[in-house]
Amino acid sequence: MFAKQFISSEIFPLKKSDQAESALMFMGDWMVKQLPVVDNLRVLGFVSEKSLMENSDKKVEELLQTDVNHYCIQEHIHVFEIWFILYQYNLTSLAVINTDGQYVGVIAAQDIALQTFSGSSLMQEGSIIVLEMEAIQYSLAEISRICESNEAKIIHLMVITLKDTGNTLHVSIKLNKQFLTHVIASLERFGYKVIFTNSFLDSNQSFDDRYQWLVKYLNT
């Protein structure tokens, strides 16, 4: 999934002559905090919601931020890179340009989130396991092998490093099976610490048991 695929058909760039008050209204409607300012397919810069609110009586061209190196992205940029840029610079939108540097469109973080989720494996049926381990212990190949030996396939995986330790990982795994009794038993047999599952371990498990897993996870 690439930047060009996320271009919005509803969000439009600003003109230099636009009033700050109007630009603020557009941002509110489109739920973004930055918008590009474009002239003849050239991105002149962008304006932020904060600067517009502080200068609502001015025109957009007076509030233009011209350093667009982090705000303009090529249309072939992958969604993983897009998320990194949005996070790194605390942005809610980005301007997309082609290889000639011409403006192509705007993408919004909320649209990327919805499209990425709706088209991902997270929409498939299955159950979740969260493992806690030291970074040196992490091996996707081994975890996958253990799961597949119990006829379960990993359809989504996310790794988070705990900030307070810097060396401890929480590995969230979504599998394509509802009942994970044998998967969990195998993981624990190989030394993996299971701290959460939303699965019924067997057909007779109660919601109280699932609640206990949640409490265990929140207490880690």
N, C-alpha and C. Protein backbone atom coordinates (compact mmCIF):
# COMPACT_ATOMS: atom_id res chain seq x y z
N MET A 1 0.85 -1.19 0.00
CA MET A 1 0.00 0.00 0.00
C MET A 1 0.89 1.24 0.00
N PHE A 2 0.63 2.14 -0.95
CA PHE A 2 1.50 3.28 -1.16
C PHE A 2 0.72 4.60 -1.08
N ALA A 3 1.46 5.69 -0.94
CA ALA A 3 0.85 7.00 -0.70
C ALA A 3 -0.25 7.32 -1.71
N LYS A 4 0.01 7.03 -2.98
CA LYS A 4 -0.95 7.38 -4.03
C LYS A 4 -2.31 6.75 -3.79
N GLN A 5 -2.33 5.59 -3.14
CA GLN A 5 -3.58 4.88 -2.90
C GLN A 5 -4.42 5.51 -1.79
N PHE A 6 -3.81 6.38 -0.99
CA PHE A 6 -4.52 6.98 0.14
C PHE A 6 -4.95 8.43 -0.12
N ILE A 7 -4.69 8.94 -1.32
CA ILE A 7 -5.04 10.33 -1.61
C ILE A 7 -6.54 10.54 -1.46
N SER A 8 -6.90 11.58 -0.74
CA SER A 8 -8.31 11.86 -0.46
C SER A 8 -8.97 12.55 -1.65
N SER A 9 -10.20 12.17 -1.91
CA SER A 9 -10.99 12.82 -2.96
C SER A 9 -11.80 13.98 -2.39
N GLU A 10 -11.71 14.18 -1.07
CA GLU A 10 -12.52 15.21 -0.42
C GLU A 10 -11.70 16.38 0.13
N ILE A 11 -10.41 16.15 0.35
CA ILE A 11 -9.56 17.20 0.92
C ILE A 11 -8.83 17.94 -0.19
N PHE A 12 -8.89 19.26 -0.15
CA PHE A 12 -8.27 20.08 -1.19
C PHE A 12 -7.23 21.01 -0.56
N PRO A 13 -6.23 21.44 -1.34
CA PRO A 13 -5.21 22.35 -0.81
C PRO A 13 -5.75 23.77 -0.68
N LEU A 14 -5.02 24.58 0.04
CA LEU A 14 -5.37 25.98 0.21
C LEU A 14 -4.69 26.83 -0.85
N LYS A 15 -5.22 28.03 -1.05
CA LYS A 15 -4.59 29.03 -1.91
C LYS A 15 -3.98 30.11 -1.02
N LYS A 16 -3.00 30.82 -1.56
CA LYS A 16 -2.36 31.89 -0.78
C LYS A 16 -3.36 32.94 -0.33
N SER A 17 -4.37 33.17 -1.14
CA SER A 17 -5.34 34.24 -0.85
C SER A 17 -6.42 33.84 0.15
N ASP A 18 -6.45 32.58 0.53
CA ASP A 18 -7.47 32.14 1.49
C ASP A 18 -7.29 32.81 2.84
N GLN A 19 -8.42 33.13 3.46
CA GLN A 19 -8.39 33.70 4.80
C GLN A 19 -8.15 32.61 5.83
N ALA A 20 -7.45 32.96 6.90
CA ALA A 20 -7.16 31.99 7.96
C ALA A 20 -8.44 31.41 8.54
N GLU A 21 -9.47 32.23 8.66
CA GLU A 21 -10.74 31.76 9.22
C GLU A 21 -11.35 30.67 8.35
N SER A 22 -11.26 30.85 7.03
CA SER A 22 -11.80 29.84 6.11
C SER A 22 -10.97 28.55 6.18
N ALA A 23 -9.65 28.71 6.24
CA ALA A 23 -8.76 27.55 6.33
C ALA A 23 -9.06 26.73 7.59
N LEU A 24 -9.32 27.41 8.68
CA LEU A 24 -9.67 26.73 9.93
C LEU A 24 -10.96 25.92 9.79
N MET A 25 -11.90 26.50 9.05
CA MET A 25 -13.18 25.81 8.85
C MET A 25 -12.95 24.53 8.03
N PHE A 26 -12.10 24.63 7.00
CA PHE A 26 -11.79 23.44 6.20
C PHE A 26 -11.13 22.37 7.06
N MET A 27 -10.18 22.78 7.88
CA MET A 27 -9.49 21.81 8.74
C MET A 27 -10.45 21.12 9.68
N GLY A 28 -11.39 21.89 10.21
CA GLY A 28 -12.39 21.30 11.11
C GLY A 28 -13.25 20.29 10.39
N ASP A 29 -13.66 20.62 9.17
CA ASP A 29 -14.51 19.71 8.40
C ASP A 29 -13.77 18.43 8.04
N TRP A 30 -12.48 18.58 7.71
CA TRP A 30 -11.70 17.42 7.26
C TRP A 30 -10.92 16.74 8.38
N MET A 31 -10.99 17.30 9.57
CA MET A 31 -10.35 16.73 10.76
C MET A 31 -8.84 16.53 10.57
N VAL A 32 -8.18 17.59 10.10
CA VAL A 32 -6.73 17.60 9.99
C VAL A 32 -6.21 18.87 10.67
N LYS A 33 -4.93 18.87 10.98
CA LYS A 33 -4.33 20.03 11.66
C LYS A 33 -3.28 20.73 10.79
N GLN A 34 -3.10 20.27 9.56
CA GLN A 34 -2.23 20.93 8.60
C GLN A 34 -2.86 20.81 7.22
N LEU A 35 -2.61 21.82 6.37
CA LEU A 35 -3.04 21.75 4.98
C LEU A 35 -1.97 22.38 4.10
N PRO A 36 -1.74 21.80 2.92
CA PRO A 36 -0.76 22.39 2.02
C PRO A 36 -1.32 23.62 1.31
N VAL A 37 -0.43 24.51 0.93
CA VAL A 37 -0.79 25.68 0.13
C VAL A 37 -0.15 25.47 -1.24
N VAL A 38 -0.97 25.46 -2.28
CA VAL A 38 -0.52 25.06 -3.61
C VAL A 38 -0.81 26.15 -4.63
N ASP A 39 0.13 26.34 -5.55
CA ASP A 39 -0.06 27.28 -6.66
C ASP A 39 0.53 26.65 -7.92
N ASN A 40 -0.29 26.47 -8.97
CA ASN A 40 0.15 25.86 -10.22
C ASN A 40 0.86 24.52 -9.99
N LEU A 41 0.24 23.68 -9.19
CA LEU A 41 0.74 22.33 -8.89
C LEU A 41 2.07 22.33 -8.13
N ARG A 42 2.44 23.45 -7.55
CA ARG A 42 3.66 23.53 -6.75
C ARG A 42 3.27 23.77 -5.29
N VAL A 43 3.81 22.95 -4.41
CA VAL A 43 3.53 23.11 -2.98
C VAL A 43 4.41 24.23 -2.45
N LEU A 44 3.78 25.36 -2.09
CA LEU A 44 4.52 26.51 -1.59
C LEU A 44 4.91 26.33 -0.13
N GLY A 45 4.12 25.56 0.57
CA GLY A 45 4.33 25.34 1.99
C GLY A 45 3.07 24.77 2.60
N PHE A 46 2.95 24.89 3.90
CA PHE A 46 1.73 24.44 4.56
C PHE A 46 1.44 25.34 5.75
N VAL A 47 0.23 25.29 6.22
CA VAL A 47 -0.16 26.05 7.40
C VAL A 47 -0.70 25.09 8.44
N SER A 48 -0.52 25.45 9.70
CA SER A 48 -0.98 24.62 10.81
C SER A 48 -2.20 25.23 11.48
N GLU A 49 -2.97 24.39 12.10
CA GLU A 49 -4.15 24.85 12.82
C GLU A 49 -3.77 25.86 13.90
N LYS A 50 -2.67 25.59 14.60
CA LYS A 50 -2.25 26.48 15.68
C LYS A 50 -1.97 27.89 15.18
N SER A 51 -1.22 28.02 14.09
CA SER A 51 -0.89 29.36 13.59
C SER A 51 -2.13 30.07 13.06
N LEU A 52 -3.06 29.32 12.49
CA LEU A 52 -4.29 29.92 12.00
C LEU A 52 -5.15 30.44 13.15
N MET A 53 -5.22 29.67 14.23
CA MET A 53 -6.03 30.08 15.37
C MET A 53 -5.45 31.33 16.04
N GLU A 54 -4.13 31.44 16.02
CA GLU A 54 -3.48 32.59 16.64
C GLU A 54 -3.50 33.82 15.76
N ASN A 55 -3.84 33.64 14.48
CA ASN A 55 -3.86 34.77 13.53
C ASN A 55 -5.05 34.66 12.60
N SER A 56 -6.23 34.56 13.17
CA SER A 56 -7.43 34.29 12.40
C SER A 56 -7.84 35.42 11.47
N ASP A 57 -7.24 36.61 11.64
CA ASP A 57 -7.59 37.75 10.79
C ASP A 57 -6.64 37.91 9.60
N LYS A 58 -5.69 37.01 9.46
CA LYS A 58 -4.70 37.12 8.39
C LYS A 58 -5.01 36.17 7.24
N LYS A 59 -4.23 36.35 6.16
CA LYS A 59 -4.34 35.44 5.02
C LYS A 59 -3.35 34.30 5.16
N VAL A 60 -3.63 33.23 4.48
CA VAL A 60 -2.81 32.04 4.55
C VAL A 60 -1.35 32.32 4.17
N GLU A 61 -1.14 33.14 3.13
CA GLU A 61 0.23 33.39 2.67
C GLU A 61 1.10 34.05 3.73
N GLU A 62 0.49 34.72 4.70
CA GLU A 62 1.24 35.36 5.78
C GLU A 62 1.66 34.36 6.85
N LEU A 63 1.07 33.19 6.85
CA LEU A 63 1.33 32.19 7.89
C LEU A 63 2.00 30.94 7.33
N LEU A 64 2.49 31.06 6.12
CA LEU A 64 3.04 29.91 5.40
C LEU A 64 4.33 29.40 6.03
N GLN A 65 4.39 28.08 6.25
CA GLN A 65 5.64 27.42 6.65
C GLN A 65 6.22 26.78 5.39
N THR A 66 7.38 27.28 4.99
CA THR A 66 7.93 26.89 3.68
C THR A 66 8.86 25.68 3.74
N ASP A 67 9.23 25.25 4.92
CA ASP A 67 10.07 24.06 5.04
C ASP A 67 9.19 22.82 4.94
N VAL A 68 9.09 22.28 3.71
CA VAL A 68 8.15 21.19 3.47
C VAL A 68 8.84 19.83 3.30
N ASN A 69 10.11 19.75 3.65
CA ASN A 69 10.85 18.50 3.46
C ASN A 69 10.19 17.31 4.18
N HIS A 70 9.63 17.59 5.36
CA HIS A 70 9.00 16.52 6.12
C HIS A 70 7.50 16.43 5.86
N TYR A 71 6.95 17.41 5.14
CA TYR A 71 5.51 17.44 4.91
C TYR A 71 5.12 16.88 3.54
N CYS A 72 6.01 16.97 2.57
CA CYS A 72 5.73 16.44 1.23
C CYS A 72 6.37 15.07 1.07
N ILE A 73 5.60 14.13 0.57
CA ILE A 73 6.12 12.78 0.34
C ILE A 73 5.87 12.36 -1.10
N GLN A 74 6.73 11.49 -1.61
CA GLN A 74 6.56 10.96 -2.95
C GLN A 74 5.38 9.99 -3.00
N GLU A 75 4.74 9.91 -4.14
CA GLU A 75 3.54 9.08 -4.25
C GLU A 75 3.81 7.59 -4.15
N HIS A 76 5.09 7.17 -4.27
CA HIS A 76 5.43 5.76 -4.19
C HIS A 76 5.87 5.33 -2.78
N ILE A 77 5.80 6.25 -1.79
CA ILE A 77 6.21 5.92 -0.42
C ILE A 77 5.25 4.87 0.17
N HIS A 78 5.82 3.86 0.83
CA HIS A 78 5.02 2.79 1.42
C HIS A 78 4.34 3.26 2.70
N VAL A 79 3.22 2.61 3.04
CA VAL A 79 2.43 3.02 4.20
C VAL A 79 3.22 2.91 5.50
N PHE A 80 4.17 1.97 5.61
CA PHE A 80 4.98 1.88 6.81
C PHE A 80 5.80 3.16 7.02
N GLU A 81 6.36 3.68 5.92
CA GLU A 81 7.12 4.92 5.99
C GLU A 81 6.21 6.11 6.29
N ILE A 82 5.01 6.08 5.75
CA ILE A 82 4.05 7.16 6.00
C ILE A 82 3.74 7.27 7.48
N TRP A 83 3.46 6.12 8.11
CA TRP A 83 3.16 6.13 9.53
C TRP A 83 4.33 6.68 10.34
N PHE A 84 5.55 6.32 9.96
CA PHE A 84 6.72 6.81 10.67
C PHE A 84 6.84 8.33 10.57
N ILE A 85 6.60 8.88 9.38
CA ILE A 85 6.68 10.33 9.18
C ILE A 85 5.60 11.05 9.98
N LEU A 86 4.38 10.53 9.92
CA LEU A 86 3.28 11.14 10.68
C LEU A 86 3.58 11.18 12.17
N TYR A 87 4.13 10.09 12.67
CA TYR A 87 4.46 10.00 14.11
C TYR A 87 5.65 10.90 14.44
N GLN A 88 6.70 10.83 13.64
CA GLN A 88 7.92 11.57 13.93
C GLN A 88 7.69 13.08 13.99
N TYR A 89 6.84 13.59 13.10
CA TYR A 89 6.62 15.03 13.03
C TYR A 89 5.26 15.45 13.59
N ASN A 90 4.55 14.53 14.21
CA ASN A 90 3.27 14.82 14.84
C ASN A 90 2.29 15.49 13.85
N LEU A 91 2.10 14.83 12.71
CA LEU A 91 1.25 15.37 11.65
C LEU A 91 -0.04 14.57 11.53
N THR A 92 -1.07 15.22 10.99
CA THR A 92 -2.33 14.53 10.72
C THR A 92 -2.62 14.46 9.23
N SER A 93 -1.77 15.09 8.43
CA SER A 93 -1.93 15.03 6.98
C SER A 93 -0.57 15.22 6.32
N LEU A 94 -0.50 14.83 5.06
CA LEU A 94 0.72 15.00 4.27
C LEU A 94 0.33 15.36 2.84
N ALA A 95 1.19 16.16 2.19
CA ALA A 95 0.99 16.46 0.77
C ALA A 95 1.76 15.43 -0.05
N VAL A 96 1.14 14.94 -1.09
CA VAL A 96 1.76 13.94 -1.96
C VAL A 96 2.20 14.62 -3.26
N ILE A 97 3.44 14.34 -3.68
CA ILE A 97 3.96 14.91 -4.92
C ILE A 97 4.47 13.77 -5.82
N ASN A 98 4.56 14.07 -7.12
CA ASN A 98 5.08 13.06 -8.04
C ASN A 98 6.59 13.23 -8.21
N THR A 99 7.18 12.46 -9.11
CA THR A 99 8.63 12.50 -9.29
C THR A 99 9.11 13.83 -9.86
N ASP A 100 8.21 14.61 -10.45
CA ASP A 100 8.56 15.94 -10.96
C ASP A 100 8.35 17.03 -9.92
N GLY A 101 7.95 16.61 -8.71
CA GLY A 101 7.74 17.58 -7.64
C GLY A 101 6.41 18.29 -7.71
N GLN A 102 5.51 17.81 -8.57
CA GLN A 102 4.20 18.44 -8.70
C GLN A 102 3.21 17.88 -7.69
N TYR A 103 2.35 18.75 -7.22
CA TYR A 103 1.33 18.36 -6.24
C TYR A 103 0.37 17.35 -6.85
N VAL A 104 0.09 16.27 -6.10
CA VAL A 104 -0.83 15.23 -6.55
C VAL A 104 -2.09 15.18 -5.68
N GLY A 105 -1.92 15.39 -4.36
CA GLY A 105 -3.08 15.35 -3.47
C GLY A 105 -2.68 15.37 -2.02
N VAL A 106 -3.66 15.18 -1.17
CA VAL A 106 -3.46 15.17 0.29
C VAL A 106 -3.90 13.83 0.84
N ILE A 107 -3.15 13.32 1.81
CA ILE A 107 -3.59 12.13 2.54
C ILE A 107 -3.75 12.50 4.01
N ALA A 108 -4.75 11.94 4.65
CA ALA A 108 -5.04 12.22 6.06
C ALA A 108 -4.80 10.97 6.88
N ALA A 109 -4.25 11.16 8.08
CA ALA A 109 -3.93 10.04 8.95
C ALA A 109 -5.15 9.18 9.24
N GLN A 110 -6.29 9.81 9.44
CA GLN A 110 -7.50 9.05 9.77
C GLN A 110 -7.93 8.15 8.61
N ASP A 111 -7.74 8.61 7.38
CA ASP A 111 -8.09 7.79 6.22
C ASP A 111 -7.15 6.60 6.09
N ILE A 112 -5.86 6.84 6.35
CA ILE A 112 -4.89 5.76 6.29
C ILE A 112 -5.22 4.70 7.34
N ALA A 113 -5.57 5.17 8.55
CA ALA A 113 -5.89 4.23 9.62
C ALA A 113 -7.08 3.35 9.24
N LEU A 114 -8.13 3.96 8.71
CA LEU A 114 -9.33 3.21 8.35
C LEU A 114 -9.07 2.24 7.21
N GLN A 115 -8.38 2.71 6.17
CA GLN A 115 -8.12 1.86 5.02
C GLN A 115 -7.15 0.73 5.35
N THR A 116 -6.13 1.05 6.16
CA THR A 116 -5.15 0.03 6.54
C THR A 116 -5.82 -1.06 7.35
N PHE A 117 -6.68 -0.65 8.30
CA PHE A 117 -7.35 -1.63 9.15
C PHE A 117 -8.34 -2.47 8.35
N SER A 118 -9.15 -1.81 7.52
CA SER A 118 -10.20 -2.54 6.80
C SER A 118 -9.63 -3.52 5.79
N GLY A 119 -8.42 -3.25 5.32
CA GLY A 119 -7.83 -4.14 4.33
C GLY A 119 -6.81 -5.10 4.89
N SER A 120 -6.67 -5.12 6.21
CA SER A 120 -5.62 -5.93 6.82
C SER A 120 -6.15 -7.25 7.37
N SER A 121 -5.21 -8.07 7.82
CA SER A 121 -5.55 -9.36 8.40
C SER A 121 -6.26 -9.21 9.74
N LEU A 122 -6.23 -8.02 10.31
CA LEU A 122 -6.93 -7.79 11.58
C LEU A 122 -8.43 -7.99 11.44
N MET A 123 -8.94 -7.91 10.22
CA MET A 123 -10.36 -8.09 9.99
C MET A 123 -10.75 -9.57 9.92
N GLN A 124 -9.76 -10.44 9.84
CA GLN A 124 -10.06 -11.87 9.77
C GLN A 124 -10.42 -12.42 11.15
N GLU A 125 -11.19 -13.48 11.15
CA GLU A 125 -11.56 -14.12 12.41
C GLU A 125 -10.34 -14.81 13.02
N GLY A 126 -10.31 -14.85 14.34
CA GLY A 126 -9.20 -15.50 15.02
C GLY A 126 -9.11 -15.05 16.46
N SER A 127 -8.03 -15.43 17.12
CA SER A 127 -7.83 -15.07 18.53
C SER A 127 -6.44 -14.50 18.74
N ILE A 128 -6.26 -13.86 19.88
CA ILE A 128 -5.04 -13.10 20.15
C ILE A 128 -4.29 -13.68 21.35
N ILE A 129 -2.97 -13.69 21.23
CA ILE A 129 -2.09 -14.04 22.34
C ILE A 129 -1.07 -12.92 22.48
N VAL A 130 -0.74 -12.57 23.73
CA VAL A 130 0.35 -11.62 23.97
C VAL A 130 1.43 -12.32 24.77
N LEU A 131 2.65 -12.29 24.24
CA LEU A 131 3.80 -12.89 24.90
C LEU A 131 4.69 -11.79 25.47
N GLU A 132 5.29 -12.06 26.63
CA GLU A 132 6.29 -11.14 27.19
C GLU A 132 7.63 -11.86 27.20
N MET A 133 8.67 -11.18 26.70
CA MET A 133 9.98 -11.82 26.61
C MET A 133 11.08 -10.77 26.54
N GLU A 134 12.29 -11.21 26.80
CA GLU A 134 13.45 -10.36 26.59
C GLU A 134 13.72 -10.28 25.08
N ALA A 135 14.27 -9.16 24.66
CA ALA A 135 14.50 -8.94 23.24
C ALA A 135 15.35 -10.04 22.63
N ILE A 136 16.32 -10.53 23.37
CA ILE A 136 17.22 -11.56 22.86
C ILE A 136 16.49 -12.88 22.61
N GLN A 137 15.35 -13.07 23.26
CA GLN A 137 14.59 -14.31 23.12
C GLN A 137 13.69 -14.31 21.89
N TYR A 138 13.45 -13.14 21.33
CA TYR A 138 12.47 -13.04 20.24
C TYR A 138 12.95 -13.71 18.96
N SER A 139 12.15 -14.62 18.45
CA SER A 139 12.43 -15.28 17.17
C SER A 139 11.10 -15.54 16.48
N LEU A 140 10.82 -14.77 15.45
CA LEU A 140 9.57 -14.95 14.72
C LEU A 140 9.49 -16.34 14.11
N ALA A 141 10.62 -16.83 13.62
CA ALA A 141 10.64 -18.15 13.00
C ALA A 141 10.22 -19.24 13.98
N GLU A 142 10.74 -19.15 15.22
CA GLU A 142 10.41 -20.19 16.21
C GLU A 142 8.96 -20.07 16.66
N ILE A 143 8.51 -18.83 16.92
CA ILE A 143 7.12 -18.64 17.35
C ILE A 143 6.17 -19.15 16.28
N SER A 144 6.47 -18.83 15.02
CA SER A 144 5.62 -19.28 13.92
C SER A 144 5.63 -20.79 13.82
N ARG A 145 6.78 -21.41 14.00
CA ARG A 145 6.89 -22.87 13.93
C ARG A 145 6.04 -23.54 15.01
N ILE A 146 6.09 -22.98 16.24
CA ILE A 146 5.32 -23.54 17.34
C ILE A 146 3.82 -23.44 17.06
N CYS A 147 3.41 -22.28 16.57
CA CYS A 147 1.98 -22.09 16.26
C CYS A 147 1.53 -23.04 15.15
N GLU A 148 2.33 -23.13 14.09
CA GLU A 148 1.94 -23.96 12.95
C GLU A 148 1.97 -25.45 13.29
N SER A 149 2.81 -25.84 14.26
CA SER A 149 2.81 -27.24 14.67
C SER A 149 1.51 -27.61 15.37
N ASN A 150 0.75 -26.60 15.78
CA ASN A 150 -0.56 -26.81 16.39
C ASN A 150 -1.69 -26.37 15.46
N GLU A 151 -1.38 -26.37 14.16
CA GLU A 151 -2.35 -26.06 13.11
C GLU A 151 -2.96 -24.67 13.25
N ALA A 152 -2.12 -23.72 13.68
CA ALA A 152 -2.54 -22.32 13.76
C ALA A 152 -1.54 -21.46 13.01
N LYS A 153 -2.03 -20.53 12.24
CA LYS A 153 -1.16 -19.66 11.47
C LYS A 153 -1.24 -18.23 11.99
N ILE A 154 -0.09 -17.55 12.01
CA ILE A 154 -0.05 -16.15 12.41
C ILE A 154 -0.57 -15.31 11.26
N ILE A 155 -1.62 -14.51 11.52
CA ILE A 155 -2.15 -13.64 10.47
C ILE A 155 -1.84 -12.17 10.75
N HIS A 156 -1.37 -11.87 11.96
CA HIS A 156 -0.93 -10.51 12.26
C HIS A 156 -0.03 -10.56 13.50
N LEU A 157 1.00 -9.72 13.50
CA LEU A 157 1.92 -9.69 14.64
C LEU A 157 2.40 -8.27 14.88
N MET A 158 2.50 -7.88 16.14
CA MET A 158 2.98 -6.55 16.51
C MET A 158 3.94 -6.68 17.69
N VAL A 159 5.08 -6.02 17.59
CA VAL A 159 6.10 -6.07 18.64
C VAL A 159 6.26 -4.68 19.25
N ILE A 160 6.13 -4.59 20.57
CA ILE A 160 6.29 -3.31 21.28
C ILE A 160 7.37 -3.47 22.34
N THR A 161 8.30 -2.53 22.37
CA THR A 161 9.33 -2.50 23.41
C THR A 161 8.83 -1.68 24.59
N LEU A 162 8.83 -2.25 25.77
CA LEU A 162 8.35 -1.53 26.95
C LEU A 162 9.31 -0.40 27.29
N LYS A 163 8.78 0.79 27.45
CA LYS A 163 9.62 1.98 27.64
C LYS A 163 10.41 1.95 28.93
N ASP A 164 9.84 1.38 29.98
CA ASP A 164 10.50 1.43 31.29
C ASP A 164 11.66 0.45 31.40
N THR A 165 11.72 -0.50 30.46
CA THR A 165 12.81 -1.48 30.53
C THR A 165 13.78 -1.35 29.36
N GLY A 166 13.24 -1.11 28.17
CA GLY A 166 14.06 -0.98 26.98
C GLY A 166 14.55 -2.31 26.43
N ASN A 167 14.34 -3.38 27.20
CA ASN A 167 14.83 -4.68 26.76
C ASN A 167 13.75 -5.76 26.81
N THR A 168 12.55 -5.37 27.25
CA THR A 168 11.45 -6.32 27.36
C THR A 168 10.43 -6.04 26.26
N LEU A 169 9.99 -7.10 25.60
CA LEU A 169 9.04 -6.98 24.51
C LEU A 169 7.68 -7.54 24.87
N HIS A 170 6.64 -6.92 24.34
CA HIS A 170 5.31 -7.51 24.32
C HIS A 170 5.01 -7.84 22.87
N VAL A 171 4.85 -9.11 22.57
CA VAL A 171 4.61 -9.57 21.21
C VAL A 171 3.14 -9.98 21.11
N SER A 172 2.36 -9.19 20.39
CA SER A 172 0.94 -9.49 20.20
C SER A 172 0.75 -10.25 18.90
N ILE A 173 0.11 -11.40 18.99
CA ILE A 173 -0.04 -12.29 17.85
C ILE A 173 -1.53 -12.58 17.63
N LYS A 174 -1.98 -12.40 16.39
CA LYS A 174 -3.33 -12.84 16.05
C LYS A 174 -3.22 -14.10 15.22
N LEU A 175 -3.93 -15.14 15.64
CA LEU A 175 -3.91 -16.44 14.97
C LEU A 175 -5.27 -16.74 14.34
N ASN A 176 -5.29 -17.62 13.39
CA ASN A 176 -6.52 -17.91 12.65
C ASN A 176 -7.37 -19.00 13.31
N LYS A 177 -7.18 -19.22 14.61
CA LYS A 177 -7.96 -20.22 15.33
C LYS A 177 -8.67 -19.59 16.52
N GLN A 178 -9.81 -20.12 16.87
CA GLN A 178 -10.56 -19.59 18.01
C GLN A 178 -10.08 -20.19 19.33
N PHE A 179 -9.85 -21.49 19.35
CA PHE A 179 -9.44 -22.17 20.58
C PHE A 179 -7.94 -22.42 20.55
N LEU A 180 -7.21 -21.90 21.55
CA LEU A 180 -5.75 -21.90 21.52
C LEU A 180 -5.12 -22.69 22.66
N THR A 181 -5.83 -23.63 23.22
CA THR A 181 -5.31 -24.41 24.34
C THR A 181 -3.95 -25.03 24.01
N HIS A 182 -3.86 -25.70 22.89
CA HIS A 182 -2.63 -26.42 22.54
C HIS A 182 -1.51 -25.46 22.13
N VAL A 183 -1.88 -24.37 21.48
CA VAL A 183 -0.89 -23.37 21.09
C VAL A 183 -0.22 -22.78 22.33
N ILE A 184 -1.02 -22.37 23.29
CA ILE A 184 -0.49 -21.76 24.51
C ILE A 184 0.35 -22.76 25.29
N ALA A 185 -0.12 -23.98 25.38
CA ALA A 185 0.64 -25.01 26.10
C ALA A 185 2.01 -25.23 25.45
N SER A 186 2.05 -25.24 24.13
CA SER A 186 3.32 -25.43 23.42
C SER A 186 4.25 -24.25 23.61
N LEU A 187 3.71 -23.04 23.54
CA LEU A 187 4.53 -21.84 23.73
C LEU A 187 5.14 -21.83 25.14
N GLU A 188 4.34 -22.17 26.12
CA GLU A 188 4.84 -22.19 27.49
C GLU A 188 5.87 -23.31 27.69
N ARG A 189 5.68 -24.40 27.00
CA ARG A 189 6.64 -25.51 27.10
C ARG A 189 8.01 -25.10 26.54
N PHE A 190 8.00 -24.20 25.56
CA PHE A 190 9.26 -23.71 24.99
C PHE A 190 9.78 -22.46 25.71
N GLY A 191 9.19 -22.15 26.86
CA GLY A 191 9.71 -21.06 27.69
C GLY A 191 9.14 -19.70 27.43
N TYR A 192 8.07 -19.60 26.64
CA TYR A 192 7.46 -18.30 26.38
C TYR A 192 6.41 -17.99 27.46
N LYS A 193 6.39 -16.75 27.88
CA LYS A 193 5.46 -16.31 28.93
C LYS A 193 4.23 -15.69 28.28
N VAL A 194 3.09 -16.36 28.42
CA VAL A 194 1.84 -15.85 27.87
C VAL A 194 1.18 -14.98 28.94
N ILE A 195 0.97 -13.70 28.62
CA ILE A 195 0.40 -12.79 29.62
C ILE A 195 -1.04 -12.39 29.30
N PHE A 196 -1.50 -12.74 28.08
CA PHE A 196 -2.88 -12.41 27.74
C PHE A 196 -3.35 -13.26 26.57
N THR A 197 -4.64 -13.60 26.59
CA THR A 197 -5.31 -14.16 25.42
C THR A 197 -6.78 -13.78 25.49
N ASN A 198 -7.36 -13.53 24.36
CA ASN A 198 -8.80 -13.28 24.33
C ASN A 198 -9.55 -14.52 23.85
N SER A 199 -8.81 -15.61 23.73
CA SER A 199 -9.39 -16.86 23.23
C SER A 199 -10.04 -17.66 24.35
N PHE A 200 -11.08 -18.37 23.98
CA PHE A 200 -11.56 -19.44 24.85
C PHE A 200 -10.56 -20.58 24.66
N LEU A 201 -9.93 -21.02 25.74
CA LEU A 201 -8.94 -22.07 25.61
C LEU A 201 -9.58 -23.39 25.20
N ASP A 202 -10.83 -23.56 25.57
CA ASP A 202 -11.60 -24.70 25.06
C ASP A 202 -13.06 -24.29 25.04
N SER A 203 -13.89 -25.14 24.51
CA SER A 203 -15.30 -24.79 24.31
C SER A 203 -16.07 -24.59 25.60
N ASN A 204 -15.51 -25.02 26.73
CA ASN A 204 -16.20 -24.90 28.01
C ASN A 204 -15.70 -23.74 28.86
N GLN A 205 -14.73 -22.99 28.33
CA GLN A 205 -14.17 -21.91 29.14
C GLN A 205 -15.18 -20.78 29.31
N SER A 206 -15.18 -20.14 30.48
CA SER A 206 -16.13 -19.08 30.78
C SER A 206 -15.53 -17.71 30.51
N PHE A 207 -16.41 -16.70 30.49
CA PHE A 207 -15.94 -15.32 30.34
C PHE A 207 -15.13 -14.88 31.56
N ASP A 208 -15.40 -15.49 32.71
CA ASP A 208 -14.61 -15.18 33.90
C ASP A 208 -13.14 -15.53 33.68
N ASP A 209 -12.89 -16.63 33.00
CA ASP A 209 -11.50 -17.02 32.71
C ASP A 209 -10.82 -16.01 31.81
N ARG A 210 -11.55 -15.50 30.82
CA ARG A 210 -10.98 -14.49 29.93
C ARG A 210 -10.70 -13.20 30.70
N TYR A 211 -11.57 -12.87 31.65
CA TYR A 211 -11.36 -11.69 32.47
C TYR A 211 -10.09 -11.83 33.29
N GLN A 212 -9.81 -13.02 33.79
CA GLN A 212 -8.59 -13.25 34.56
C GLN A 212 -7.34 -13.03 33.71
N TRP A 213 -7.41 -13.41 32.44
CA TRP A 213 -6.29 -13.15 31.54
C TRP A 213 -6.07 -11.64 31.37
N LEU A 214 -7.17 -10.90 31.26
CA LEU A 214 -7.06 -9.44 31.12
C LEU A 214 -6.42 -8.82 32.34
N VAL A 215 -6.83 -9.26 33.53
CA VAL A 215 -6.26 -8.75 34.77
C VAL A 215 -4.77 -9.08 34.84
N LYS A 216 -4.42 -10.26 34.41
CA LYS A 216 -3.00 -10.68 34.40
C LYS A 216 -2.19 -9.77 33.50
N TYR A 217 -2.75 -9.45 32.31
CA TYR A 217 -2.05 -8.59 31.37
C TYR A 217 -1.88 -7.18 31.93
N LEU A 218 -2.94 -6.62 32.52
CA LEU A 218 -2.89 -5.26 33.04
C LEU A 218 -1.93 -5.14 34.21
N ASN A 219 -1.66 -6.23 34.90
CA ASN A 219 -0.79 -6.21 36.06
C ASN A 219 0.68 -6.44 35.70
N THR A 220 0.97 -6.73 34.44
CA THR A 220 2.36 -6.97 34.05
C THR A 220 3.10 -5.65 33.83
